[in-house]
Amino acid sequence: MLEDLAERYDPGATGDQIRADAARLATAVRKLRAAGHLIEFLGSTFVPGDEATLSRFASSSAELVETAHRLASVPVERVVEAVSLPKRRQT
């Protein structure tokens, strides 16, 4: 599976609203997985200063990530392939 980053702008959004969106995305992904689709919700990061939210998914396609957003009634501006690097080990 590929990793995808879904980006959206949320002017005026609060942390509570972003948490609710994330819960709806997780529910939508569970429904898609139950239907046999390859997708996993990896979490969201809210950047209040930029009024942006970035949500990470492992999926078989960007279209599937867009479908999850539609099912969850969560807007999305764009979905792009991403690469997550492991955290640096502290010495």
PDB file of N, CA and C in Angstrom:
ATOM      1  N   MET A   1       0.834  -1.182   0.000  1.00  0.00           N
ATOM      2  CA  MET A   1       0.000   0.000   0.000  1.00  0.00           C
ATOM      3  C   MET A   1       0.878   1.246   0.000  1.00  0.00           C
ATOM      4  N   LEU A   2       0.368   2.275  -0.609  1.00  0.00           N
ATOM      5  CA  LEU A   2       1.039   3.563  -0.638  1.00  0.00           C
ATOM      6  C   LEU A   2       0.623   4.380   0.575  1.00  0.00           C
ATOM      7  N   GLU A   3       1.431   5.377   0.915  1.00  0.00           N
ATOM      8  CA  GLU A   3       1.011   6.313   1.942  1.00  0.00           C
ATOM      9  C   GLU A   3       0.559   7.584   1.242  1.00  0.00           C
ATOM     10  N   ASP A   4      -0.596   8.083   1.665  1.00  0.00           N
ATOM     11  CA  ASP A   4      -1.160   9.287   1.080  1.00  0.00           C
ATOM     12  C   ASP A   4      -1.370  10.322   2.162  1.00  0.00           C
ATOM     13  N   LEU A   5      -1.211  11.581   1.778  1.00  0.00           N
ATOM     14  CA  LEU A   5      -1.441  12.702   2.662  1.00  0.00           C
ATOM     15  C   LEU A   5      -2.612  13.494   2.094  1.00  0.00           C
ATOM     16  N   ALA A   6      -3.657  13.642   2.907  1.00  0.00           N
ATOM     17  CA  ALA A   6      -4.832  14.413   2.499  1.00  0.00           C
ATOM     18  C   ALA A   6      -4.746  15.773   3.178  1.00  0.00           C
ATOM     19  N   GLU A   7      -4.844  16.812   2.375  1.00  0.00           N
ATOM     20  CA  GLU A   7      -4.682  18.176   2.873  1.00  0.00           C
ATOM     21  C   GLU A   7      -5.996  18.938   2.745  1.00  0.00           C
ATOM     22  N   ARG A   8      -6.318  19.678   3.802  1.00  0.00           N
ATOM     23  CA  ARG A   8      -7.493  20.541   3.736  1.00  0.00           C
ATOM     24  C   ARG A   8      -7.254  21.785   4.581  1.00  0.00           C
ATOM     25  N   TYR A   9      -7.936  22.843   4.202  1.00  0.00           N
ATOM     26  CA  TYR A   9      -7.854  24.092   4.933  1.00  0.00           C
ATOM     27  C   TYR A   9      -9.133  24.259   5.739  1.00  0.00           C
ATOM     28  N   ASP A  10      -8.973  24.596   7.007  1.00  0.00           N
ATOM     29  CA  ASP A  10     -10.100  24.679   7.935  1.00  0.00           C
ATOM     30  C   ASP A  10     -10.105  26.017   8.664  1.00  0.00           C
ATOM     31  N   PRO A  11     -10.388  27.124   7.950  1.00  0.00           N
ATOM     32  CA  PRO A  11     -10.408  28.415   8.629  1.00  0.00           C
ATOM     33  C   PRO A  11     -11.382  28.412   9.807  1.00  0.00           C
ATOM     34  N   GLY A  12     -10.887  28.819  10.964  1.00  0.00           N
ATOM     35  CA  GLY A  12     -11.722  28.890  12.156  1.00  0.00           C
ATOM     36  C   GLY A  12     -11.955  27.567  12.859  1.00  0.00           C
ATOM     37  N   ALA A  13     -11.359  26.494  12.384  1.00  0.00           N
ATOM     38  CA  ALA A  13     -11.579  25.177  12.996  1.00  0.00           C
ATOM     39  C   ALA A  13     -10.962  25.129  14.388  1.00  0.00           C
ATOM     40  N   THR A  14     -11.557  24.291  15.223  1.00  0.00           N
ATOM     41  CA  THR A  14     -11.031  24.065  16.569  1.00  0.00           C
ATOM     42  C   THR A  14     -10.486  22.642  16.663  1.00  0.00           C
ATOM     43  N   GLY A  15      -9.708  22.400  17.695  1.00  0.00           N
ATOM     44  CA  GLY A  15      -9.198  21.050  17.931  1.00  0.00           C
ATOM     45  C   GLY A  15     -10.325  20.041  18.069  1.00  0.00           C
ATOM     46  N   ASP A  16     -11.418  20.441  18.730  1.00  0.00           N
ATOM     47  CA  ASP A  16     -12.556  19.530  18.887  1.00  0.00           C
ATOM     48  C   ASP A  16     -13.167  19.162  17.535  1.00  0.00           C
ATOM     49  N   GLN A  17     -13.258  20.132  16.634  1.00  0.00           N
ATOM     50  CA  GLN A  17     -13.800  19.835  15.302  1.00  0.00           C
ATOM     51  C   GLN A  17     -12.882  18.894  14.529  1.00  0.00           C
ATOM     52  N   ILE A  18     -11.591  19.099  14.645  1.00  0.00           N
ATOM     53  CA  ILE A  18     -10.639  18.234  13.943  1.00  0.00           C
ATOM     54  C   ILE A  18     -10.687  16.819  14.512  1.00  0.00           C
ATOM     55  N   ARG A  19     -10.816  16.703  15.846  1.00  0.00           N
ATOM     56  CA  ARG A  19     -10.946  15.362  16.458  1.00  0.00           C
ATOM     57  C   ARG A  19     -12.214  14.670  15.975  1.00  0.00           C
ATOM     58  N   ALA A  20     -13.310  15.416  15.847  1.00  0.00           N
ATOM     59  CA  ALA A  20     -14.562  14.831  15.347  1.00  0.00           C
ATOM     60  C   ALA A  20     -14.406  14.381  13.896  1.00  0.00           C
ATOM     61  N   ASP A  21     -13.731  15.198  13.088  1.00  0.00           N
ATOM     62  CA  ASP A  21     -13.460  14.810  11.689  1.00  0.00           C
ATOM     63  C   ASP A  21     -12.640  13.523  11.639  1.00  0.00           C
ATOM     64  N   ALA A  22     -11.615  13.442  12.492  1.00  0.00           N
ATOM     65  CA  ALA A  22     -10.762  12.249  12.516  1.00  0.00           C
ATOM     66  C   ALA A  22     -11.562  11.011  12.907  1.00  0.00           C
ATOM     67  N   ALA A  23     -12.475  11.163  13.857  1.00  0.00           N
ATOM     68  CA  ALA A  23     -13.316  10.027  14.259  1.00  0.00           C
ATOM     69  C   ALA A  23     -14.203   9.582  13.099  1.00  0.00           C
ATOM     70  N   ARG A  24     -14.761  10.534  12.360  1.00  0.00           N
ATOM     71  CA  ARG A  24     -15.601  10.170  11.210  1.00  0.00           C
ATOM     72  C   ARG A  24     -14.770   9.516  10.106  1.00  0.00           C
ATOM     73  N   LEU A  25     -13.544  10.005   9.891  1.00  0.00           N
ATOM     74  CA  LEU A  25     -12.672   9.371   8.898  1.00  0.00           C
ATOM     75  C   LEU A  25     -12.335   7.940   9.303  1.00  0.00           C
ATOM     76  N   ALA A  26     -12.054   7.728  10.587  1.00  0.00           N
ATOM     77  CA  ALA A  26     -11.744   6.369  11.068  1.00  0.00           C
ATOM     78  C   ALA A  26     -12.928   5.439  10.843  1.00  0.00           C
ATOM     79  N   THR A  27     -14.136   5.935  11.097  1.00  0.00           N
ATOM     80  CA  THR A  27     -15.345   5.124  10.883  1.00  0.00           C
ATOM     81  C   THR A  27     -15.516   4.807   9.399  1.00  0.00           C
ATOM     82  N   ALA A  28     -15.322   5.800   8.542  1.00  0.00           N
ATOM     83  CA  ALA A  28     -15.454   5.580   7.094  1.00  0.00           C
ATOM     84  C   ALA A  28     -14.445   4.553   6.608  1.00  0.00           C
ATOM     85  N   VAL A  29     -13.222   4.632   7.115  1.00  0.00           N
ATOM     86  CA  VAL A  29     -12.181   3.684   6.718  1.00  0.00           C
ATOM     87  C   VAL A  29     -12.540   2.276   7.178  1.00  0.00           C
ATOM     88  N   ARG A  30     -13.083   2.136   8.383  1.00  0.00           N
ATOM     89  CA  ARG A  30     -13.510   0.802   8.852  1.00  0.00           C
ATOM     90  C   ARG A  30     -14.563   0.220   7.917  1.00  0.00           C
ATOM     91  N   LYS A  31     -15.490   1.050   7.458  1.00  0.00           N
ATOM     92  CA  LYS A  31     -16.527   0.580   6.528  1.00  0.00           C
ATOM     93  C   LYS A  31     -15.912   0.154   5.196  1.00  0.00           C
ATOM     94  N   LEU A  32     -14.967   0.935   4.702  1.00  0.00           N
ATOM     95  CA  LEU A  32     -14.312   0.577   3.444  1.00  0.00           C
ATOM     96  C   LEU A  32     -13.516  -0.715   3.579  1.00  0.00           C
ATOM     97  N   ARG A  33     -12.828  -0.874   4.707  1.00  0.00           N
ATOM     98  CA  ARG A  33     -12.068  -2.112   4.943  1.00  0.00           C
ATOM     99  C   ARG A  33     -13.008  -3.317   5.019  1.00  0.00           C
ATOM    100  N   ALA A  34     -14.145  -3.129   5.673  1.00  0.00           N
ATOM    101  CA  ALA A  34     -15.122  -4.220   5.780  1.00  0.00           C
ATOM    102  C   ALA A  34     -15.650  -4.627   4.412  1.00  0.00           C
ATOM    103  N   ALA A  35     -15.644  -3.675   3.474  1.00  0.00           N
ATOM    104  CA  ALA A  35     -16.083  -3.956   2.105  1.00  0.00           C
ATOM    105  C   ALA A  35     -14.938  -4.506   1.246  1.00  0.00           C
ATOM    106  N   GLY A  36     -13.761  -4.715   1.865  1.00  0.00           N
ATOM    107  CA  GLY A  36     -12.657  -5.333   1.155  1.00  0.00           C
ATOM    108  C   GLY A  36     -11.632  -4.382   0.554  1.00  0.00           C
ATOM    109  N   HIS A  37     -11.742  -3.100   0.844  1.00  0.00           N
ATOM    110  CA  HIS A  37     -10.794  -2.130   0.296  1.00  0.00           C
ATOM    111  C   HIS A  37      -9.536  -2.049   1.153  1.00  0.00           C
ATOM    112  N   LEU A  38      -8.407  -1.790   0.505  1.00  0.00           N
ATOM    113  CA  LEU A  38      -7.129  -1.669   1.202  1.00  0.00           C
ATOM    114  C   LEU A  38      -6.897  -0.218   1.584  1.00  0.00           C
ATOM    115  N   ILE A  39      -7.212   0.115   2.826  1.00  0.00           N
ATOM    116  CA  ILE A  39      -7.029   1.471   3.317  1.00  0.00           C
ATOM    117  C   ILE A  39      -6.898   1.435   4.832  1.00  0.00           C
ATOM    118  N   GLU A  40      -6.058   2.325   5.358  1.00  0.00           N
ATOM    119  CA  GLU A  40      -5.876   2.445   6.801  1.00  0.00           C
ATOM    120  C   GLU A  40      -5.721   3.928   7.124  1.00  0.00           C
ATOM    121  N   PHE A  41      -6.419   4.382   8.149  1.00  0.00           N
ATOM    122  CA  PHE A  41      -6.292   5.768   8.616  1.00  0.00           C
ATOM    123  C   PHE A  41      -5.166   5.812   9.627  1.00  0.00           C
ATOM    124  N   LEU A  42      -4.160   6.652   9.367  1.00  0.00           N
ATOM    125  CA  LEU A  42      -2.973   6.714  10.221  1.00  0.00           C
ATOM    126  C   LEU A  42      -2.970   7.902  11.174  1.00  0.00           C
ATOM    127  N   GLY A  43      -3.953   8.783  11.046  1.00  0.00           N
ATOM    128  CA  GLY A  43      -4.053   9.917  11.961  1.00  0.00           C
ATOM    129  C   GLY A  43      -4.025  11.256  11.237  1.00  0.00           C
ATOM    130  N   SER A  44      -4.271  12.315  12.019  1.00  0.00           N
ATOM    131  CA  SER A  44      -4.305  13.673  11.481  1.00  0.00           C
ATOM    132  C   SER A  44      -3.427  14.595  12.301  1.00  0.00           C
ATOM    133  N   THR A  45      -2.937  15.626  11.635  1.00  0.00           N
ATOM    134  CA  THR A  45      -2.186  16.689  12.292  1.00  0.00           C
ATOM    135  C   THR A  45      -2.858  18.014  11.950  1.00  0.00           C
ATOM    136  N   PHE A  46      -3.222  18.757  12.987  1.00  0.00           N
ATOM    137  CA  PHE A  46      -3.863  20.059  12.820  1.00  0.00           C
ATOM    138  C   PHE A  46      -2.805  21.133  13.023  1.00  0.00           C
ATOM    139  N   VAL A  47      -2.725  22.073  12.083  1.00  0.00           N
ATOM    140  CA  VAL A  47      -1.768  23.172  12.161  1.00  0.00           C
ATOM    141  C   VAL A  47      -2.582  24.466  12.267  1.00  0.00           C
ATOM    142  N   PRO A  48      -2.926  24.874  13.505  1.00  0.00           N
ATOM    143  CA  PRO A  48      -3.820  26.025  13.679  1.00  0.00           C
ATOM    144  C   PRO A  48      -3.300  27.312  13.029  1.00  0.00           C
ATOM    145  N   GLY A  49      -2.000  27.560  13.098  1.00  0.00           N
ATOM    146  CA  GLY A  49      -1.445  28.781  12.522  1.00  0.00           C
ATOM    147  C   GLY A  49      -1.620  28.871  11.020  1.00  0.00           C
ATOM    148  N   ASP A  50      -1.711  27.747  10.355  1.00  0.00           N
ATOM    149  CA  ASP A  50      -1.935  27.702   8.908  1.00  0.00           C
ATOM    150  C   ASP A  50      -3.380  27.366   8.564  1.00  0.00           C
ATOM    151  N   GLU A  51      -4.198  27.133   9.585  1.00  0.00           N
ATOM    152  CA  GLU A  51      -5.597  26.728   9.388  1.00  0.00           C
ATOM    153  C   GLU A  51      -5.688  25.512   8.470  1.00  0.00           C
ATOM    154  N   ALA A  52      -4.795  24.559   8.693  1.00  0.00           N
ATOM    155  CA  ALA A  52      -4.707  23.381   7.824  1.00  0.00           C
ATOM    156  C   ALA A  52      -4.716  22.099   8.646  1.00  0.00           C
ATOM    157  N   THR A  53      -5.222  21.050   8.031  1.00  0.00           N
ATOM    158  CA  THR A  53      -5.183  19.716   8.614  1.00  0.00           C
ATOM    159  C   THR A  53      -4.606  18.774   7.572  1.00  0.00           C
ATOM    160  N   LEU A  54      -3.663  17.943   8.012  1.00  0.00           N
ATOM    161  CA  LEU A  54      -3.049  16.929   7.169  1.00  0.00           C
ATOM    162  C   LEU A  54      -3.405  15.571   7.754  1.00  0.00           C
ATOM    163  N   SER A  55      -4.029  14.735   6.968  1.00  0.00           N
ATOM    164  CA  SER A  55      -4.402  13.393   7.417  1.00  0.00           C
ATOM    165  C   SER A  55      -3.624  12.366   6.621  1.00  0.00           C
ATOM    166  N   ARG A  56      -3.112  11.351   7.330  1.00  0.00           N
ATOM    167  CA  ARG A  56      -2.289  10.319   6.688  1.00  0.00           C
ATOM    168  C   ARG A  56      -3.080   9.021   6.543  1.00  0.00           C
ATOM    169  N   PHE A  57      -2.883   8.387   5.410  1.00  0.00           N
ATOM    170  CA  PHE A  57      -3.544   7.123   5.106  1.00  0.00           C
ATOM    171  C   PHE A  57      -2.551   6.183   4.447  1.00  0.00           C
ATOM    172  N   ALA A  58      -2.712   4.902   4.659  1.00  0.00           N
ATOM    173  CA  ALA A  58      -2.094   3.873   3.835  1.00  0.00           C
ATOM    174  C   ALA A  58      -3.245   3.347   2.981  1.00  0.00           C
ATOM    175  N   SER A  59      -3.055   3.347   1.669  1.00  0.00           N
ATOM    176  CA  SER A  59      -4.171   2.944   0.811  1.00  0.00           C
ATOM    177  C   SER A  59      -3.658   2.433  -0.529  1.00  0.00           C
ATOM    178  N   SER A  60      -4.567   1.836  -1.261  1.00  0.00           N
ATOM    179  CA  SER A  60      -4.220   1.346  -2.587  1.00  0.00           C
ATOM    180  C   SER A  60      -4.351   2.423  -3.653  1.00  0.00           C
ATOM    181  N   SER A  61      -4.995   3.577  -3.312  1.00  0.00           N
ATOM    182  CA  SER A  61      -5.130   4.657  -4.293  1.00  0.00           C
ATOM    183  C   SER A  61      -5.571   5.954  -3.621  1.00  0.00           C
ATOM    184  N   ALA A  62      -5.225   7.060  -4.266  1.00  0.00           N
ATOM    185  CA  ALA A  62      -5.669   8.372  -3.782  1.00  0.00           C
ATOM    186  C   ALA A  62      -7.186   8.486  -3.882  1.00  0.00           C
ATOM    187  N   GLU A  63      -7.766   7.858  -4.883  1.00  0.00           N
ATOM    188  CA  GLU A  63      -9.219   7.907  -5.048  1.00  0.00           C
ATOM    189  C   GLU A  63      -9.936   7.280  -3.849  1.00  0.00           C
ATOM    190  N   LEU A  64      -9.348   6.244  -3.287  1.00  0.00           N
ATOM    191  CA  LEU A  64      -9.935   5.599  -2.123  1.00  0.00           C
ATOM    192  C   LEU A  64      -9.899   6.540  -0.912  1.00  0.00           C
ATOM    193  N   VAL A  65      -8.850   7.316  -0.778  1.00  0.00           N
ATOM    194  CA  VAL A  65      -8.763   8.308   0.302  1.00  0.00           C
ATOM    195  C   VAL A  65      -9.841   9.372   0.104  1.00  0.00           C
ATOM    196  N   GLU A  66     -10.049   9.798  -1.129  1.00  0.00           N
ATOM    197  CA  GLU A  66     -11.111  10.764  -1.412  1.00  0.00           C
ATOM    198  C   GLU A  66     -12.479  10.172  -1.099  1.00  0.00           C
ATOM    199  N   THR A  67     -12.671   8.897  -1.378  1.00  0.00           N
ATOM    200  CA  THR A  67     -13.928   8.224  -1.049  1.00  0.00           C
ATOM    201  C   THR A  67     -14.162   8.211   0.453  1.00  0.00           C
ATOM    202  N   ALA A  68     -13.116   7.949   1.225  1.00  0.00           N
ATOM    203  CA  ALA A  68     -13.239   7.964   2.689  1.00  0.00           C
ATOM    204  C   ALA A  68     -13.678   9.345   3.170  1.00  0.00           C
ATOM    205  N   HIS A  69     -13.124  10.381   2.591  1.00  0.00           N
ATOM    206  CA  HIS A  69     -13.519  11.739   2.970  1.00  0.00           C
ATOM    207  C   HIS A  69     -14.985  12.008   2.631  1.00  0.00           C
ATOM    208  N   ARG A  70     -15.430  11.566   1.455  1.00  0.00           N
ATOM    209  CA  ARG A  70     -16.836  11.750   1.081  1.00  0.00           C
ATOM    210  C   ARG A  70     -17.748  11.026   2.060  1.00  0.00           C
ATOM    211  N   LEU A  71     -17.416   9.767   2.373  1.00  0.00           N
ATOM    212  CA  LEU A  71     -18.238   8.993   3.312  1.00  0.00           C
ATOM    213  C   LEU A  71     -18.291   9.646   4.691  1.00  0.00           C
ATOM    214  N   ALA A  72     -17.196  10.278   5.081  1.00  0.00           N
ATOM    215  CA  ALA A  72     -17.108  10.902   6.405  1.00  0.00           C
ATOM    216  C   ALA A  72     -17.641  12.335   6.417  1.00  0.00           C
ATOM    217  N   SER A  73     -18.014  12.852   5.247  1.00  0.00           N
ATOM    218  CA  SER A  73     -18.439  14.257   5.115  1.00  0.00           C
ATOM    219  C   SER A  73     -17.361  15.211   5.630  1.00  0.00           C
ATOM    220  N   VAL A  74     -16.115  14.904   5.264  1.00  0.00           N
ATOM    221  CA  VAL A  74     -14.971  15.742   5.620  1.00  0.00           C
ATOM    222  C   VAL A  74     -14.376  16.260   4.313  1.00  0.00           C
ATOM    223  N   PRO A  75     -14.292  17.574   4.152  1.00  0.00           N
ATOM    224  CA  PRO A  75     -13.737  18.104   2.902  1.00  0.00           C
ATOM    225  C   PRO A  75     -12.260  17.776   2.756  1.00  0.00           C
ATOM    226  N   VAL A  76     -11.797  17.739   1.515  1.00  0.00           N
ATOM    227  CA  VAL A  76     -10.371  17.516   1.237  1.00  0.00           C
ATOM    228  C   VAL A  76     -10.009  18.362   0.026  1.00  0.00           C
ATOM    229  N   GLU A  77      -8.869  19.053   0.130  1.00  0.00           N
ATOM    230  CA  GLU A  77      -8.406  19.895  -0.980  1.00  0.00           C
ATOM    231  C   GLU A  77      -7.640  19.072  -2.003  1.00  0.00           C
ATOM    232  N   ARG A  78      -6.748  18.223  -1.498  1.00  0.00           N
ATOM    233  CA  ARG A  78      -5.959  17.391  -2.398  1.00  0.00           C
ATOM    234  C   ARG A  78      -5.405  16.198  -1.638  1.00  0.00           C
ATOM    235  N   VAL A  79      -5.077  15.159  -2.401  1.00  0.00           N
ATOM    236  CA  VAL A  79      -4.462  13.950  -1.856  1.00  0.00           C
ATOM    237  C   VAL A  79      -3.191  13.700  -2.659  1.00  0.00           C
ATOM    238  N   VAL A  80      -2.081  13.565  -1.943  1.00  0.00           N
ATOM    239  CA  VAL A  80      -0.790  13.345  -2.612  1.00  0.00           C
ATOM    240  C   VAL A  80      -0.066  12.186  -1.943  1.00  0.00           C
ATOM    241  N   GLU A  81       0.773  11.519  -2.732  1.00  0.00           N
ATOM    242  CA  GLU A  81       1.591  10.437  -2.178  1.00  0.00           C
ATOM    243  C   GLU A  81       2.612  11.045  -1.218  1.00  0.00           C
ATOM    244  N   ALA A  82       2.877  10.336  -0.126  1.00  0.00           N
ATOM    245  CA  ALA A  82       3.814  10.818   0.888  1.00  0.00           C
ATOM    246  C   ALA A  82       4.743   9.692   1.310  1.00  0.00           C
ATOM    247  N   VAL A  83       5.857  10.083   1.896  1.00  0.00           N
ATOM    248  CA  VAL A  83       6.815   9.125   2.438  1.00  0.00           C
ATOM    249  C   VAL A  83       7.087   9.527   3.883  1.00  0.00           C
ATOM    250  N   SER A  84       6.782   8.650   4.834  1.00  0.00           N
ATOM    251  CA  SER A  84       7.089   8.905   6.239  1.00  0.00           C
ATOM    252  C   SER A  84       8.422   8.268   6.565  1.00  0.00           C
ATOM    253  N   LEU A  85       9.235   9.022   7.203  1.00  0.00           N
ATOM    254  CA  LEU A  85      10.543   8.517   7.600  1.00  0.00           C
ATOM    255  C   LEU A  85      10.493   8.126   9.073  1.00  0.00           C
ATOM    256  N   PRO A  86      11.256   7.125   9.466  1.00  0.00           N
ATOM    257  CA  PRO A  86      11.232   6.746  10.880  1.00  0.00           C
ATOM    258  C   PRO A  86      11.776   7.879  11.735  1.00  0.00           C
ATOM    259  N   LYS A  87      11.290   7.912  12.968  1.00  0.00           N
ATOM    260  CA  LYS A  87      11.788   8.912  13.897  1.00  0.00           C
ATOM    261  C   LYS A  87      13.265   8.658  14.184  1.00  0.00           C
ATOM    262  N   ARG A  88      13.965   9.734  14.362  1.00  0.00           N
ATOM    263  CA  ARG A  88      15.394   9.630  14.664  1.00  0.00           C
ATOM    264  C   ARG A  88      15.580   9.102  16.079  1.00  0.00           C
ATOM    265  N   ARG A  89      16.442   8.147  16.222  1.00  0.00           N
ATOM    266  CA  ARG A  89      16.716   7.559  17.540  1.00  0.00           C
ATOM    267  C   ARG A  89      17.527   8.519  18.373  1.00  0.00           C
ATOM    268  N   GLN A  90      17.119   8.706  19.595  1.00  0.00           N
ATOM    269  CA  GLN A  90      17.843   9.575  20.524  1.00  0.00           C
ATOM    270  C   GLN A  90      18.996   8.808  21.143  1.00  0.00           C
ATOM    271  N   THR A  91      20.144   9.455  21.282  1.00  0.00           N
ATOM    272  CA  THR A  91      21.301   8.795  21.895  1.00  0.00           C
ATOM    273  C   THR A  91      21.592   9.401  23.255  1.00  0.00           C
TER     274      THR A  91
END
